[in-house]
Amino acid sequence: MDVLCIFALLLGLAGIAGSIIPGIPGPPLSWAGLLLVYFSAQRGVADPMTLRFLMIWLVITIVVTIFDYFVPAWFTKVTGGHKAASVGAIVGLFIGMFSPFGIIVGSLAGAFLGEFLFEKRGVWDSFKASLGAFLGFMSGTGAKLITSGIMLYDIIKYVF
């Protein structure tokens, strides 16, 4: 195993972390790991990976990344929420990472409070909006996590 393979594994793991932590591009990091495996295979270090395989994963990475940007906003809008619910979900997620309640409760509570306090909506409307923001966030995170997980598996498969 050479240096490129080690960095590929690190990028694959960073991709998993980036799929959960907002602001870190999970799938692009994982794809960069696949790219390093491809280059190490060209030097005869790892099993050969085809360029077609790499390009298919590039397209999947682009689609999932775009999906992650638009779906949470769409879910929030469909359930009657505003931008305050989306921002609240992200703020709640960060707070939830460092509290005993966790990221799920933090995200839901943040979306609810954002809608309730800043948009001056009722409890039921704020709850619906927070549920939409949360479901949108979770669908985007789930898609990124699955994609990055499969790419990490492929990295490991080609390296070992």
C-alpha atoms as a PDB file:
ATOM      1  CA  MET A   1       0.000   0.000   0.000  1.00  0.00           C
ATOM      2  CA  ASP A   2       1.501   3.322  -1.035  1.00  0.00           C
ATOM      3  CA  VAL A   3       0.883   6.889   0.093  1.00  0.00           C
ATOM      4  CA  LEU A   4      -1.911   7.454  -2.446  1.00  0.00           C
ATOM      5  CA  CYS A   5      -3.854   4.485  -1.065  1.00  0.00           C
ATOM      6  CA  ILE A   6      -3.483   5.759   2.505  1.00  0.00           C
ATOM      7  CA  PHE A   7      -4.739   9.200   1.486  1.00  0.00           C
ATOM      8  CA  ALA A   8      -7.572   7.532  -0.446  1.00  0.00           C
ATOM      9  CA  LEU A   9      -8.690   5.715   2.700  1.00  0.00           C
ATOM     10  CA  LEU A  10      -8.457   8.933   4.716  1.00  0.00           C
ATOM     11  CA  LEU A  11     -10.526  10.780   2.118  1.00  0.00           C
ATOM     12  CA  GLY A  12     -13.099   7.975   2.166  1.00  0.00           C
ATOM     13  CA  LEU A  13     -13.399   8.266   5.948  1.00  0.00           C
ATOM     14  CA  ALA A  14     -13.557  12.067   5.703  1.00  0.00           C
ATOM     15  CA  GLY A  15     -16.357  11.619   3.171  1.00  0.00           C
ATOM     16  CA  ILE A  16     -18.356   9.607   5.703  1.00  0.00           C
ATOM     17  CA  ALA A  17     -17.807  12.299   8.341  1.00  0.00           C
ATOM     18  CA  GLY A  18     -18.639  15.020   5.823  1.00  0.00           C
ATOM     19  CA  SER A  19     -21.911  13.314   5.020  1.00  0.00           C
ATOM     20  CA  ILE A  20     -23.059  13.896   8.581  1.00  0.00           C
ATOM     21  CA  ILE A  21     -21.353  17.174   9.458  1.00  0.00           C
ATOM     22  CA  PRO A  22     -22.792  20.150   7.544  1.00  0.00           C
ATOM     23  CA  GLY A  23     -20.329  22.236   5.586  1.00  0.00           C
ATOM     24  CA  ILE A  24     -17.977  19.387   4.749  1.00  0.00           C
ATOM     25  CA  PRO A  25     -18.554  17.965   1.246  1.00  0.00           C
ATOM     26  CA  GLY A  26     -18.839  14.238   1.991  1.00  0.00           C
ATOM     27  CA  PRO A  27     -19.398  12.624  -1.425  1.00  0.00           C
ATOM     28  CA  PRO A  28     -16.836  14.819  -3.243  1.00  0.00           C
ATOM     29  CA  LEU A  29     -14.205  13.849  -0.659  1.00  0.00           C
ATOM     30  CA  SER A  30     -15.068  10.176  -1.114  1.00  0.00           C
ATOM     31  CA  TRP A  31     -14.869  10.554  -4.892  1.00  0.00           C
ATOM     32  CA  ALA A  32     -11.442  12.165  -4.501  1.00  0.00           C
ATOM     33  CA  GLY A  33     -10.455   9.017  -2.624  1.00  0.00           C
ATOM     34  CA  LEU A  34     -11.640   6.909  -5.564  1.00  0.00           C
ATOM     35  CA  LEU A  35      -9.616   9.140  -7.874  1.00  0.00           C
ATOM     36  CA  LEU A  36      -6.478   8.515  -5.821  1.00  0.00           C
ATOM     37  CA  VAL A  37      -7.106   4.768  -5.983  1.00  0.00           C
ATOM     38  CA  TYR A  38      -7.461   5.109  -9.758  1.00  0.00           C
ATOM     39  CA  PHE A  39      -4.102   6.885  -9.999  1.00  0.00           C
ATOM     40  CA  SER A  40      -2.412   4.356  -7.732  1.00  0.00           C
ATOM     41  CA  ALA A  41      -3.811   1.555  -9.891  1.00  0.00           C
ATOM     42  CA  GLN A  42      -2.270   3.233 -12.933  1.00  0.00           C
ATOM     43  CA  ARG A  43       1.087   2.930 -11.184  1.00  0.00           C
ATOM     44  CA  GLY A  44       0.465  -0.775 -10.547  1.00  0.00           C
ATOM     45  CA  VAL A  45      -0.082  -0.480  -6.793  1.00  0.00           C
ATOM     46  CA  ALA A  46      -3.743  -1.464  -6.461  1.00  0.00           C
ATOM     47  CA  ASP A  47      -6.223  -3.478  -8.467  1.00  0.00           C
ATOM     48  CA  PRO A  48      -7.142  -1.697 -11.691  1.00  0.00           C
ATOM     49  CA  MET A  49     -10.180   0.569 -11.630  1.00  0.00           C
ATOM     50  CA  THR A  50     -11.735   1.532 -14.942  1.00  0.00           C
ATOM     51  CA  LEU A  51     -12.185   5.116 -16.020  1.00  0.00           C
ATOM     52  CA  ARG A  52     -15.833   4.318 -16.759  1.00  0.00           C
ATOM     53  CA  PHE A  53     -16.369   3.236 -13.135  1.00  0.00           C
ATOM     54  CA  LEU A  54     -14.752   6.460 -11.931  1.00  0.00           C
ATOM     55  CA  MET A  55     -16.878   8.634 -14.242  1.00  0.00           C
ATOM     56  CA  ILE A  56     -20.104   6.900 -13.192  1.00  0.00           C
ATOM     57  CA  TRP A  57     -19.266   7.690  -9.579  1.00  0.00           C
ATOM     58  CA  LEU A  58     -18.499  11.289 -10.550  1.00  0.00           C
ATOM     59  CA  VAL A  59     -21.994  11.650 -12.016  1.00  0.00           C
ATOM     60  CA  ILE A  60     -23.547  10.041  -8.926  1.00  0.00           C
ATOM     61  CA  THR A  61     -21.522  12.377  -6.697  1.00  0.00           C
ATOM     62  CA  ILE A  62     -22.695  15.446  -8.615  1.00  0.00           C
ATOM     63  CA  VAL A  63     -26.342  14.320  -8.539  1.00  0.00           C
ATOM     64  CA  VAL A  64     -26.284  13.566  -4.794  1.00  0.00           C
ATOM     65  CA  THR A  65     -24.563  16.876  -4.038  1.00  0.00           C
ATOM     66  CA  ILE A  66     -27.167  18.823  -6.025  1.00  0.00           C
ATOM     67  CA  PHE A  67     -29.924  16.722  -4.431  1.00  0.00           C
ATOM     68  CA  ASP A  68     -28.628  17.675  -0.998  1.00  0.00           C
ATOM     69  CA  TYR A  69     -28.859  21.378  -1.782  1.00  0.00           C
ATOM     70  CA  PHE A  70     -32.394  21.412  -3.166  1.00  0.00           C
ATOM     71  CA  VAL A  71     -34.348  18.679  -1.382  1.00  0.00           C
ATOM     72  CA  PRO A  72     -34.260  20.132   2.165  1.00  0.00           C
ATOM     73  CA  ALA A  73     -35.605  23.445   0.889  1.00  0.00           C
ATOM     74  CA  TRP A  74     -38.248  21.644  -1.136  1.00  0.00           C
ATOM     75  CA  PHE A  75     -39.392  19.551   1.864  1.00  0.00           C
ATOM     76  CA  THR A  76     -39.560  22.691   3.993  1.00  0.00           C
ATOM     77  CA  LYS A  77     -41.556  24.571   1.369  1.00  0.00           C
ATOM     78  CA  VAL A  78     -43.978  21.680   0.802  1.00  0.00           C
ATOM     79  CA  THR A  79     -44.781  21.561   4.515  1.00  0.00           C
ATOM     80  CA  GLY A  80     -45.350  25.327   4.641  1.00  0.00           C
ATOM     81  CA  GLY A  81     -42.046  26.322   6.184  1.00  0.00           C
ATOM     82  CA  HIS A  82     -39.821  29.276   5.550  1.00  0.00           C
ATOM     83  CA  LYS A  83     -36.075  29.799   5.453  1.00  0.00           C
ATOM     84  CA  ALA A  84     -36.095  30.273   9.220  1.00  0.00           C
ATOM     85  CA  ALA A  85     -37.026  26.594   9.653  1.00  0.00           C
ATOM     86  CA  SER A  86     -34.140  25.457   7.444  1.00  0.00           C
ATOM     87  CA  VAL A  87     -31.636  27.696   9.208  1.00  0.00           C
ATOM     88  CA  GLY A  88     -33.013  26.630  12.584  1.00  0.00           C
ATOM     89  CA  ALA A  89     -32.570  22.961  11.658  1.00  0.00           C
ATOM     90  CA  ILE A  90     -28.889  23.528  10.856  1.00  0.00           C
ATOM     91  CA  VAL A  91     -28.275  25.594  14.015  1.00  0.00           C
ATOM     92  CA  GLY A  92     -30.107  22.987  16.090  1.00  0.00           C
ATOM     93  CA  LEU A  93     -27.990  20.261  14.534  1.00  0.00           C
ATOM     94  CA  PHE A  94     -24.771  22.000  15.585  1.00  0.00           C
ATOM     95  CA  ILE A  95     -26.066  22.572  19.105  1.00  0.00           C
ATOM     96  CA  GLY A  96     -27.334  19.005  19.248  1.00  0.00           C
ATOM     97  CA  MET A  97     -23.860  17.677  18.416  1.00  0.00           C
ATOM     98  CA  PHE A  98     -22.615  19.009  21.750  1.00  0.00           C
ATOM     99  CA  SER A  99     -25.666  18.352  23.899  1.00  0.00           C
ATOM    100  CA  PRO A 100     -27.153  15.209  25.409  1.00  0.00           C
ATOM    101  CA  PHE A 101     -30.202  15.520  23.138  1.00  0.00           C
ATOM    102  CA  GLY A 102     -28.302  14.751  19.961  1.00  0.00           C
ATOM    103  CA  ILE A 103     -28.511  15.978  16.403  1.00  0.00           C
ATOM    104  CA  ILE A 104     -32.002  14.653  15.663  1.00  0.00           C
ATOM    105  CA  VAL A 105     -33.755  16.414  18.543  1.00  0.00           C
ATOM    106  CA  GLY A 106     -31.548  19.477  18.047  1.00  0.00           C
ATOM    107  CA  SER A 107     -32.436  19.699  14.375  1.00  0.00           C
ATOM    108  CA  LEU A 108     -36.160  19.306  14.998  1.00  0.00           C
ATOM    109  CA  ALA A 109     -36.150  21.804  17.875  1.00  0.00           C
ATOM    110  CA  GLY A 110     -34.088  24.318  15.933  1.00  0.00           C
ATOM    111  CA  ALA A 111     -36.432  24.187  12.938  1.00  0.00           C
ATOM    112  CA  PHE A 112     -39.458  24.528  15.212  1.00  0.00           C
ATOM    113  CA  LEU A 113     -38.001  27.476  17.114  1.00  0.00           C
ATOM    114  CA  GLY A 114     -36.854  29.182  13.934  1.00  0.00           C
ATOM    115  CA  GLU A 115     -40.342  29.004  12.462  1.00  0.00           C
ATOM    116  CA  PHE A 116     -42.143  29.781  15.722  1.00  0.00           C
ATOM    117  CA  LEU A 117     -39.995  32.673  16.911  1.00  0.00           C
ATOM    118  CA  PHE A 118     -38.865  34.345  13.704  1.00  0.00           C
ATOM    119  CA  GLU A 119     -41.800  33.719  11.403  1.00  0.00           C
ATOM    120  CA  LYS A 120     -44.372  34.143  14.219  1.00  0.00           C
ATOM    121  CA  ARG A 121     -46.299  31.031  13.194  1.00  0.00           C
ATOM    122  CA  GLY A 122     -48.547  28.952  15.419  1.00  0.00           C
ATOM    123  CA  VAL A 123     -47.437  25.794  17.168  1.00  0.00           C
ATOM    124  CA  TRP A 124     -49.004  23.385  14.655  1.00  0.00           C
ATOM    125  CA  ASP A 125     -47.688  25.248  11.598  1.00  0.00           C
ATOM    126  CA  SER A 126     -44.242  25.505  13.177  1.00  0.00           C
ATOM    127  CA  PHE A 127     -44.276  21.793  13.971  1.00  0.00           C
ATOM    128  CA  LYS A 128     -45.222  20.887  10.377  1.00  0.00           C
ATOM    129  CA  ALA A 129     -42.506  23.146   9.014  1.00  0.00           C
ATOM    130  CA  SER A 130     -39.930  21.734  11.422  1.00  0.00           C
ATOM    131  CA  LEU A 131     -40.888  18.203  10.428  1.00  0.00           C
ATOM    132  CA  GLY A 132     -40.478  19.114   6.746  1.00  0.00           C
ATOM    133  CA  ALA A 133     -37.097  20.761   7.345  1.00  0.00           C
ATOM    134  CA  PHE A 134     -35.974  17.763   9.379  1.00  0.00           C
ATOM    135  CA  LEU A 135     -37.143  15.217   6.771  1.00  0.00           C
ATOM    136  CA  GLY A 136     -35.435  17.192   4.025  1.00  0.00           C
ATOM    137  CA  PHE A 137     -32.215  17.369   5.999  1.00  0.00           C
ATOM    138  CA  MET A 138     -32.344  13.656   6.815  1.00  0.00           C
ATOM    139  CA  SER A 139     -33.052  12.652   3.207  1.00  0.00           C
ATOM    140  CA  GLY A 140     -30.087  14.669   1.962  1.00  0.00           C
ATOM    141  CA  THR A 141     -27.852  13.361   4.731  1.00  0.00           C
ATOM    142  CA  GLY A 142     -29.003   9.793   4.112  1.00  0.00           C
ATOM    143  CA  ALA A 143     -28.287  10.022   0.392  1.00  0.00           C
ATOM    144  CA  LYS A 144     -24.813  11.445   1.085  1.00  0.00           C
ATOM    145  CA  LEU A 145     -24.083   8.830   3.726  1.00  0.00           C
ATOM    146  CA  ILE A 146     -25.120   5.925   1.497  1.00  0.00           C
ATOM    147  CA  THR A 147     -23.137   7.290  -1.445  1.00  0.00           C
ATOM    148  CA  SER A 148     -20.011   7.942   0.611  1.00  0.00           C
ATOM    149  CA  GLY A 149     -20.334   4.577   2.326  1.00  0.00           C
ATOM    150  CA  ILE A 150     -20.438   2.718  -0.970  1.00  0.00           C
ATOM    151  CA  MET A 151     -17.473   4.699  -2.257  1.00  0.00           C
ATOM    152  CA  LEU A 152     -15.515   3.904   0.922  1.00  0.00           C
ATOM    153  CA  TYR A 153     -16.337   0.238   0.377  1.00  0.00           C
ATOM    154  CA  ASP A 154     -15.040   0.516  -3.198  1.00  0.00           C
ATOM    155  CA  ILE A 155     -11.876   2.241  -1.991  1.00  0.00           C
ATOM    156  CA  ILE A 156     -11.240  -0.579   0.473  1.00  0.00           C
ATOM    157  CA  LYS A 157     -12.101  -3.207  -2.142  1.00  0.00           C
ATOM    158  CA  TYR A 158      -9.658  -1.808  -4.694  1.00  0.00           C
ATOM    159  CA  VAL A 159      -6.865  -1.117  -2.207  1.00  0.00           C
ATOM    160  CA  PHE A 160      -6.916  -4.477  -0.453  1.00  0.00           C
END
